[in-house]
């Protein structure tokens, strides 16, 4: 691993180089000056999904969900809690499959919620079904 990591800004989608030793020191985006880590999942869409998945040097844990899905809504607070525990070593993000149907089809999402872990732009692990925060953290760390 190099001395610096590429981190995509959750606000403006700019790619930032951050020294790996400085990740826990609340780094800010060089473009928009917002914090790069917020302890909350980033809401992605068709326009910024690829940027976050392919350009980030830290793993990205994606929650594929839909607003009409009861288990998705039940898991949402647990996903926020997991973000607070897993950042800055991992980015947590959400993708509304109703608004980004082409991405849901591309990744063959058949049930929701589905968690998928991406590293270097590639999916490395997947888990369907709702989990509590401890389960999300455990699963993510196991596949990191």
N, C-alpha and C. Protein backbone atom coordinates (compact mmCIF):
# COMPACT_ATOMS: atom_id res chain seq x y z
N UNK A 1 0.86 -1.19 0.00
CA UNK A 1 0.00 0.00 0.00
C UNK A 1 0.89 1.24 0.00
N UNK A 2 0.55 2.21 -0.80
CA UNK A 2 1.35 3.42 -0.87
C UNK A 2 1.14 4.26 0.38
N UNK A 3 1.96 5.29 0.49
CA UNK A 3 1.90 6.16 1.65
C UNK A 3 0.65 7.03 1.66
N UNK A 4 0.04 7.26 0.49
CA UNK A 4 -1.19 8.04 0.44
C UNK A 4 -2.28 7.23 -0.27
N UNK A 5 -3.51 7.56 0.10
CA UNK A 5 -4.67 6.85 -0.43
C UNK A 5 -5.57 7.83 -1.17
N UNK A 6 -6.24 7.35 -2.21
CA UNK A 6 -7.25 8.15 -2.89
C UNK A 6 -8.57 7.96 -2.16
N UNK A 7 -9.16 9.07 -1.75
CA UNK A 7 -10.43 9.07 -1.04
C UNK A 7 -11.38 9.99 -1.81
N UNK A 8 -12.56 9.47 -2.16
CA UNK A 8 -13.54 10.25 -2.91
C UNK A 8 -14.39 11.03 -1.91
N UNK A 9 -14.56 12.32 -2.17
CA UNK A 9 -15.34 13.19 -1.29
C UNK A 9 -16.82 12.81 -1.34
N UNK A 10 -17.46 12.67 -0.17
CA UNK A 10 -18.89 12.34 -0.15
C UNK A 10 -19.79 13.50 -0.56
N UNK A 11 -19.24 14.70 -0.67
CA UNK A 11 -20.03 15.88 -1.03
C UNK A 11 -19.91 16.27 -2.50
N UNK A 12 -18.65 16.34 -3.00
CA UNK A 12 -18.46 16.85 -4.36
C UNK A 12 -17.88 15.80 -5.31
N UNK A 13 -17.62 14.59 -4.82
CA UNK A 13 -17.11 13.47 -5.61
C UNK A 13 -15.69 13.67 -6.13
N UNK A 14 -14.97 14.69 -5.61
CA UNK A 14 -13.58 14.89 -6.01
C UNK A 14 -12.71 13.79 -5.38
N UNK A 15 -11.68 13.39 -6.10
CA UNK A 15 -10.74 12.39 -5.59
C UNK A 15 -9.61 13.14 -4.88
N UNK A 16 -9.38 12.78 -3.62
CA UNK A 16 -8.37 13.42 -2.80
C UNK A 16 -7.27 12.43 -2.46
N UNK A 17 -6.03 12.89 -2.41
CA UNK A 17 -4.92 12.07 -1.91
C UNK A 17 -4.70 12.41 -0.45
N UNK A 18 -4.80 11.38 0.38
CA UNK A 18 -4.67 11.57 1.83
C UNK A 18 -3.57 10.63 2.32
N UNK A 19 -2.58 11.15 3.05
CA UNK A 19 -1.58 10.25 3.63
C UNK A 19 -2.27 9.20 4.51
N UNK A 20 -1.87 7.95 4.36
CA UNK A 20 -2.57 6.88 5.08
C UNK A 20 -2.55 7.09 6.59
N UNK A 21 -1.51 7.70 7.12
CA UNK A 21 -1.44 7.97 8.55
C UNK A 21 -2.35 9.09 9.02
N UNK A 22 -2.95 9.82 8.08
CA UNK A 22 -3.79 10.97 8.43
C UNK A 22 -5.30 10.67 8.30
N UNK A 23 -5.67 9.44 7.93
CA UNK A 23 -7.09 9.12 7.72
C UNK A 23 -7.94 9.40 8.95
N UNK A 24 -7.43 9.10 10.13
CA UNK A 24 -8.20 9.26 11.36
C UNK A 24 -8.19 10.69 11.89
N UNK A 25 -7.52 11.60 11.18
CA UNK A 25 -7.39 12.99 11.66
C UNK A 25 -8.38 13.95 10.99
N UNK A 26 -9.54 13.45 10.61
CA UNK A 26 -10.61 14.27 10.02
C UNK A 26 -10.14 15.07 8.80
N UNK A 27 -9.58 14.39 7.79
CA UNK A 27 -9.13 15.12 6.59
C UNK A 27 -10.30 15.78 5.88
N UNK A 28 -10.00 16.87 5.18
CA UNK A 28 -11.02 17.59 4.42
C UNK A 28 -10.70 17.53 2.94
N UNK A 29 -11.74 17.71 2.14
CA UNK A 29 -11.62 17.71 0.69
C UNK A 29 -10.85 18.94 0.23
N UNK A 30 -9.91 18.74 -0.68
CA UNK A 30 -9.16 19.86 -1.22
C UNK A 30 -10.00 20.76 -2.12
N UNK A 31 -11.11 20.26 -2.61
CA UNK A 31 -11.95 21.05 -3.52
C UNK A 31 -13.05 21.82 -2.76
N UNK A 32 -13.85 21.09 -1.97
CA UNK A 32 -15.02 21.74 -1.33
C UNK A 32 -14.81 22.03 0.16
N UNK A 33 -13.71 21.54 0.73
CA UNK A 33 -13.35 21.79 2.13
C UNK A 33 -14.26 21.10 3.15
N UNK A 34 -15.10 20.17 2.71
CA UNK A 34 -15.94 19.38 3.63
C UNK A 34 -15.13 18.19 4.15
N UNK A 35 -15.55 17.65 5.30
CA UNK A 35 -14.87 16.49 5.86
C UNK A 35 -15.05 15.27 4.94
N UNK A 36 -14.00 14.51 4.76
CA UNK A 36 -14.05 13.33 3.88
C UNK A 36 -14.75 12.16 4.55
N UNK A 37 -14.80 12.16 5.88
CA UNK A 37 -15.49 11.10 6.61
C UNK A 37 -16.50 11.74 7.56
N UNK A 38 -17.74 11.27 7.49
CA UNK A 38 -18.83 11.88 8.25
C UNK A 38 -19.49 10.92 9.23
N UNK A 39 -19.04 9.67 9.28
CA UNK A 39 -19.65 8.63 10.12
C UNK A 39 -21.08 8.34 9.69
N UNK A 40 -21.37 8.64 8.42
CA UNK A 40 -22.67 8.33 7.82
C UNK A 40 -22.45 7.76 6.42
N UNK A 41 -23.34 6.88 5.97
CA UNK A 41 -23.23 6.37 4.61
C UNK A 41 -23.40 7.48 3.58
N UNK A 42 -22.72 7.34 2.47
CA UNK A 42 -22.83 8.27 1.35
C UNK A 42 -23.94 7.77 0.44
N UNK A 43 -24.84 8.67 0.04
CA UNK A 43 -25.91 8.32 -0.90
C UNK A 43 -25.36 8.44 -2.32
N UNK A 44 -25.27 7.31 -3.00
CA UNK A 44 -24.77 7.31 -4.37
C UNK A 44 -25.92 7.21 -5.36
N UNK A 45 -25.60 7.52 -6.63
CA UNK A 45 -26.60 7.44 -7.70
C UNK A 45 -25.88 6.99 -8.97
N UNK A 46 -26.61 6.93 -10.06
CA UNK A 46 -26.03 6.47 -11.32
C UNK A 46 -24.87 7.36 -11.78
N UNK A 47 -24.92 8.63 -11.42
CA UNK A 47 -23.90 9.57 -11.87
C UNK A 47 -22.57 9.47 -11.12
N UNK A 48 -22.60 9.14 -9.83
CA UNK A 48 -21.35 9.14 -9.06
C UNK A 48 -20.93 7.76 -8.55
N UNK A 49 -21.71 6.74 -8.83
CA UNK A 49 -21.43 5.39 -8.34
C UNK A 49 -20.03 4.92 -8.76
N UNK A 50 -19.74 4.97 -10.05
CA UNK A 50 -18.47 4.45 -10.56
C UNK A 50 -17.29 5.20 -9.98
N UNK A 51 -17.42 6.50 -9.81
CA UNK A 51 -16.33 7.31 -9.24
C UNK A 51 -15.96 6.79 -7.85
N UNK A 52 -16.99 6.55 -7.02
CA UNK A 52 -16.74 6.11 -5.65
C UNK A 52 -16.22 4.68 -5.59
N UNK A 53 -16.72 3.81 -6.45
CA UNK A 53 -16.30 2.41 -6.43
C UNK A 53 -14.90 2.24 -7.01
N UNK A 54 -14.64 2.86 -8.15
CA UNK A 54 -13.39 2.62 -8.86
C UNK A 54 -12.22 3.48 -8.38
N UNK A 55 -12.48 4.66 -7.87
CA UNK A 55 -11.39 5.58 -7.55
C UNK A 55 -10.98 5.58 -6.08
N UNK A 56 -11.73 4.89 -5.23
CA UNK A 56 -11.42 4.86 -3.81
C UNK A 56 -10.40 3.78 -3.49
N UNK A 57 -9.37 4.11 -2.73
CA UNK A 57 -8.37 3.12 -2.32
C UNK A 57 -8.78 2.38 -1.04
N UNK A 58 -9.86 2.79 -0.41
CA UNK A 58 -10.37 2.03 0.73
C UNK A 58 -11.57 1.22 0.26
N UNK A 59 -11.86 0.10 0.90
CA UNK A 59 -13.04 -0.69 0.49
C UNK A 59 -14.32 0.14 0.61
N UNK A 60 -15.28 -0.16 -0.25
CA UNK A 60 -16.59 0.50 -0.22
C UNK A 60 -17.64 -0.58 0.04
N UNK A 61 -18.37 -0.42 1.14
CA UNK A 61 -19.45 -1.34 1.48
C UNK A 61 -20.76 -0.71 1.02
N UNK A 62 -21.38 -1.33 0.01
CA UNK A 62 -22.58 -0.78 -0.62
C UNK A 62 -23.83 -1.48 -0.10
N UNK A 63 -24.83 -0.67 0.27
CA UNK A 63 -26.15 -1.16 0.63
C UNK A 63 -27.07 -0.88 -0.55
N UNK A 64 -27.45 -1.94 -1.26
CA UNK A 64 -28.45 -1.81 -2.33
C UNK A 64 -29.81 -1.93 -1.65
N UNK A 65 -30.65 -0.89 -1.77
CA UNK A 65 -31.92 -0.83 -1.05
C UNK A 65 -32.98 -0.16 -1.91
N UNK A 66 -34.22 -0.14 -1.39
CA UNK A 66 -35.33 0.59 -2.03
C UNK A 66 -36.22 1.16 -0.94
N UNK A 67 -36.85 2.30 -1.20
CA UNK A 67 -37.67 2.95 -0.17
C UNK A 67 -38.91 2.14 0.23
N UNK A 68 -39.42 1.29 -0.64
CA UNK A 68 -40.62 0.52 -0.33
C UNK A 68 -40.30 -0.74 0.47
N UNK A 69 -39.03 -1.05 0.67
CA UNK A 69 -38.59 -2.30 1.29
C UNK A 69 -38.54 -2.15 2.82
N UNK A 70 -39.41 -2.88 3.50
CA UNK A 70 -39.46 -2.84 4.97
C UNK A 70 -38.15 -3.24 5.62
N UNK A 71 -37.57 -4.39 5.25
CA UNK A 71 -36.28 -4.76 5.85
C UNK A 71 -35.17 -3.74 5.58
N UNK A 72 -35.22 -3.09 4.41
CA UNK A 72 -34.23 -2.05 4.11
C UNK A 72 -34.36 -0.89 5.09
N UNK A 73 -35.58 -0.46 5.33
CA UNK A 73 -35.82 0.65 6.26
C UNK A 73 -35.44 0.25 7.68
N UNK A 74 -35.69 -1.03 8.04
CA UNK A 74 -35.32 -1.49 9.37
C UNK A 74 -33.80 -1.53 9.54
N UNK A 75 -33.07 -1.86 8.48
CA UNK A 75 -31.62 -1.97 8.56
C UNK A 75 -30.91 -0.61 8.48
N UNK A 76 -31.58 0.41 7.98
CA UNK A 76 -30.93 1.70 7.75
C UNK A 76 -30.23 2.27 8.99
N UNK A 77 -30.85 2.28 10.18
CA UNK A 77 -30.14 2.80 11.35
C UNK A 77 -28.91 1.96 11.70
N UNK A 78 -28.98 0.66 11.51
CA UNK A 78 -27.84 -0.21 11.79
C UNK A 78 -26.70 0.09 10.83
N UNK A 79 -27.01 0.41 9.57
CA UNK A 79 -26.00 0.73 8.58
C UNK A 79 -25.29 2.04 8.96
N UNK A 80 -26.05 3.00 9.49
CA UNK A 80 -25.45 4.26 9.97
C UNK A 80 -24.52 3.97 11.15
N UNK A 81 -24.95 3.13 12.08
CA UNK A 81 -24.10 2.77 13.23
C UNK A 81 -22.83 2.07 12.75
N UNK A 82 -22.96 1.20 11.75
CA UNK A 82 -21.79 0.51 11.21
C UNK A 82 -20.83 1.49 10.56
N UNK A 83 -21.35 2.51 9.89
CA UNK A 83 -20.49 3.52 9.26
C UNK A 83 -19.63 4.21 10.31
N UNK A 84 -20.22 4.54 11.45
CA UNK A 84 -19.48 5.20 12.52
C UNK A 84 -18.36 4.31 13.04
N UNK A 85 -18.56 3.00 12.99
CA UNK A 85 -17.55 2.07 13.50
C UNK A 85 -16.49 1.72 12.46
N UNK A 86 -16.85 1.69 11.19
CA UNK A 86 -15.93 1.21 10.15
C UNK A 86 -15.11 2.32 9.49
N UNK A 87 -15.59 3.56 9.52
CA UNK A 87 -14.79 4.65 8.95
C UNK A 87 -13.63 4.95 9.89
N UNK A 88 -12.49 5.40 9.38
CA UNK A 88 -12.17 5.75 8.01
C UNK A 88 -11.55 4.62 7.19
N UNK A 89 -11.50 3.42 7.73
CA UNK A 89 -10.89 2.33 6.99
C UNK A 89 -11.74 1.77 5.88
N UNK A 90 -13.01 2.16 5.86
CA UNK A 90 -13.95 1.67 4.86
C UNK A 90 -15.02 2.74 4.65
N UNK A 91 -15.43 2.91 3.41
CA UNK A 91 -16.53 3.85 3.09
C UNK A 91 -17.81 3.05 3.00
N UNK A 92 -18.88 3.50 3.67
CA UNK A 92 -20.19 2.88 3.54
C UNK A 92 -21.04 3.77 2.65
N UNK A 93 -21.76 3.15 1.74
CA UNK A 93 -22.56 3.89 0.77
C UNK A 93 -23.88 3.17 0.53
N UNK A 94 -24.87 3.92 0.08
CA UNK A 94 -26.19 3.38 -0.21
C UNK A 94 -26.56 3.70 -1.65
N UNK A 95 -27.24 2.75 -2.29
CA UNK A 95 -27.73 2.98 -3.65
C UNK A 95 -29.19 2.58 -3.72
N UNK A 96 -30.05 3.53 -4.03
CA UNK A 96 -31.48 3.28 -4.17
C UNK A 96 -31.71 2.57 -5.51
N UNK A 97 -32.09 1.29 -5.44
CA UNK A 97 -32.24 0.49 -6.66
C UNK A 97 -33.43 0.91 -7.50
N UNK A 98 -34.36 1.65 -6.93
CA UNK A 98 -35.49 2.17 -7.71
C UNK A 98 -35.04 3.31 -8.61
N UNK A 99 -34.10 4.12 -8.11
CA UNK A 99 -33.61 5.26 -8.88
C UNK A 99 -32.46 4.88 -9.80
N UNK A 100 -31.80 3.78 -9.52
CA UNK A 100 -30.65 3.35 -10.33
C UNK A 100 -30.87 1.90 -10.77
N UNK A 101 -31.95 1.69 -11.49
CA UNK A 101 -32.31 0.33 -11.89
C UNK A 101 -31.27 -0.31 -12.80
N UNK A 102 -30.60 0.50 -13.62
CA UNK A 102 -29.58 -0.06 -14.51
C UNK A 102 -28.40 -0.62 -13.72
N UNK A 103 -28.04 0.05 -12.61
CA UNK A 103 -26.95 -0.48 -11.78
C UNK A 103 -27.38 -1.73 -11.03
N UNK A 104 -28.62 -1.74 -10.55
CA UNK A 104 -29.14 -2.94 -9.87
C UNK A 104 -29.11 -4.13 -10.83
N UNK A 105 -29.47 -3.89 -12.08
CA UNK A 105 -29.44 -4.97 -13.09
C UNK A 105 -28.00 -5.37 -13.40
N UNK A 106 -27.12 -4.39 -13.55
CA UNK A 106 -25.72 -4.67 -13.86
C UNK A 106 -25.06 -5.56 -12.80
N UNK A 107 -25.43 -5.32 -11.53
CA UNK A 107 -24.85 -6.11 -10.43
C UNK A 107 -25.73 -7.27 -10.02
N UNK A 108 -26.77 -7.54 -10.84
CA UNK A 108 -27.63 -8.70 -10.62
C UNK A 108 -28.22 -8.73 -9.21
N UNK A 109 -28.73 -7.59 -8.76
CA UNK A 109 -29.34 -7.50 -7.44
C UNK A 109 -30.74 -8.10 -7.54
N UNK A 110 -30.95 -9.21 -6.88
CA UNK A 110 -32.22 -9.94 -6.95
C UNK A 110 -33.07 -9.78 -5.69
N UNK A 111 -32.45 -9.47 -4.57
CA UNK A 111 -33.21 -9.24 -3.34
C UNK A 111 -32.56 -8.07 -2.62
N UNK A 112 -33.37 -7.38 -1.86
CA UNK A 112 -32.86 -6.24 -1.10
C UNK A 112 -33.35 -6.37 0.34
N UNK A 113 -32.60 -5.87 1.28
CA UNK A 113 -31.29 -5.25 1.09
C UNK A 113 -30.23 -6.28 0.73
N UNK A 114 -29.27 -5.82 -0.05
CA UNK A 114 -28.08 -6.61 -0.37
C UNK A 114 -26.86 -5.74 -0.08
N UNK A 115 -25.93 -6.29 0.68
CA UNK A 115 -24.65 -5.63 0.92
C UNK A 115 -23.63 -6.21 -0.05
N UNK A 116 -22.83 -5.34 -0.65
CA UNK A 116 -21.74 -5.78 -1.52
C UNK A 116 -20.50 -4.99 -1.15
N UNK A 117 -19.39 -5.69 -1.02
CA UNK A 117 -18.13 -5.05 -0.69
C UNK A 117 -17.28 -4.95 -1.95
N UNK A 118 -16.82 -3.73 -2.23
CA UNK A 118 -16.02 -3.46 -3.42
C UNK A 118 -14.61 -3.06 -2.99
N UNK A 119 -13.62 -3.60 -3.70
CA UNK A 119 -12.22 -3.21 -3.52
C UNK A 119 -11.64 -2.99 -4.90
N UNK A 120 -11.00 -1.86 -5.10
CA UNK A 120 -10.37 -1.59 -6.38
C UNK A 120 -11.33 -1.64 -7.55
N UNK A 121 -12.58 -1.29 -7.33
CA UNK A 121 -13.57 -1.27 -8.39
C UNK A 121 -14.26 -2.59 -8.64
N UNK A 122 -13.90 -3.64 -7.90
CA UNK A 122 -14.48 -4.97 -8.12
C UNK A 122 -15.21 -5.46 -6.88
N UNK A 123 -16.33 -6.12 -7.10
CA UNK A 123 -17.07 -6.72 -5.99
C UNK A 123 -16.30 -7.94 -5.49
N UNK A 124 -16.09 -8.01 -4.17
CA UNK A 124 -15.34 -9.12 -3.58
C UNK A 124 -16.19 -9.98 -2.64
N UNK A 125 -17.33 -9.46 -2.20
CA UNK A 125 -18.21 -10.23 -1.31
C UNK A 125 -19.62 -9.66 -1.39
N UNK A 126 -20.60 -10.52 -1.10
CA UNK A 126 -22.01 -10.11 -1.15
C UNK A 126 -22.80 -10.85 -0.09
N UNK A 127 -23.78 -10.16 0.49
CA UNK A 127 -24.66 -10.76 1.49
C UNK A 127 -26.05 -10.14 1.34
N UNK A 128 -27.05 -10.99 1.12
CA UNK A 128 -28.43 -10.51 1.04
C UNK A 128 -29.10 -10.65 2.39
N UNK A 129 -30.03 -9.74 2.67
CA UNK A 129 -30.81 -9.80 3.90
C UNK A 129 -30.37 -8.75 4.91
N UNK A 130 -31.32 -8.36 5.76
CA UNK A 130 -31.07 -7.34 6.77
C UNK A 130 -30.18 -7.89 7.89
N UNK A 131 -29.34 -7.03 8.42
CA UNK A 131 -28.47 -7.37 9.54
C UNK A 131 -28.48 -6.23 10.55
N UNK A 132 -28.11 -6.55 11.79
CA UNK A 132 -27.94 -5.49 12.78
C UNK A 132 -26.54 -4.90 12.62
N UNK A 133 -26.26 -3.83 13.37
CA UNK A 133 -24.98 -3.12 13.21
C UNK A 133 -23.79 -4.05 13.48
N UNK A 134 -23.87 -4.84 14.53
CA UNK A 134 -22.77 -5.75 14.87
C UNK A 134 -22.55 -6.76 13.74
N UNK A 135 -23.62 -7.25 13.15
CA UNK A 135 -23.51 -8.20 12.05
C UNK A 135 -22.89 -7.57 10.82
N UNK A 136 -23.26 -6.33 10.53
CA UNK A 136 -22.69 -5.62 9.38
C UNK A 136 -21.20 -5.42 9.57
N UNK A 137 -20.81 -4.95 10.76
CA UNK A 137 -19.40 -4.71 11.06
C UNK A 137 -18.61 -6.01 10.98
N UNK A 138 -19.13 -7.06 11.58
CA UNK A 138 -18.44 -8.35 11.59
C UNK A 138 -18.26 -8.88 10.15
N UNK A 139 -19.35 -8.82 9.36
CA UNK A 139 -19.29 -9.30 7.98
C UNK A 139 -18.29 -8.49 7.16
N UNK A 140 -18.35 -7.16 7.30
CA UNK A 140 -17.44 -6.28 6.54
C UNK A 140 -15.99 -6.54 6.90
N UNK A 141 -15.70 -6.69 8.18
CA UNK A 141 -14.32 -6.92 8.60
C UNK A 141 -13.83 -8.30 8.16
N UNK A 142 -14.71 -9.27 8.13
CA UNK A 142 -14.34 -10.60 7.71
C UNK A 142 -13.92 -10.62 6.23
N UNK A 143 -14.53 -9.75 5.42
CA UNK A 143 -14.26 -9.73 3.98
C UNK A 143 -13.35 -8.60 3.54
N UNK A 144 -12.92 -7.81 4.47
CA UNK A 144 -12.08 -6.64 4.17
C UNK A 144 -10.91 -7.08 3.36
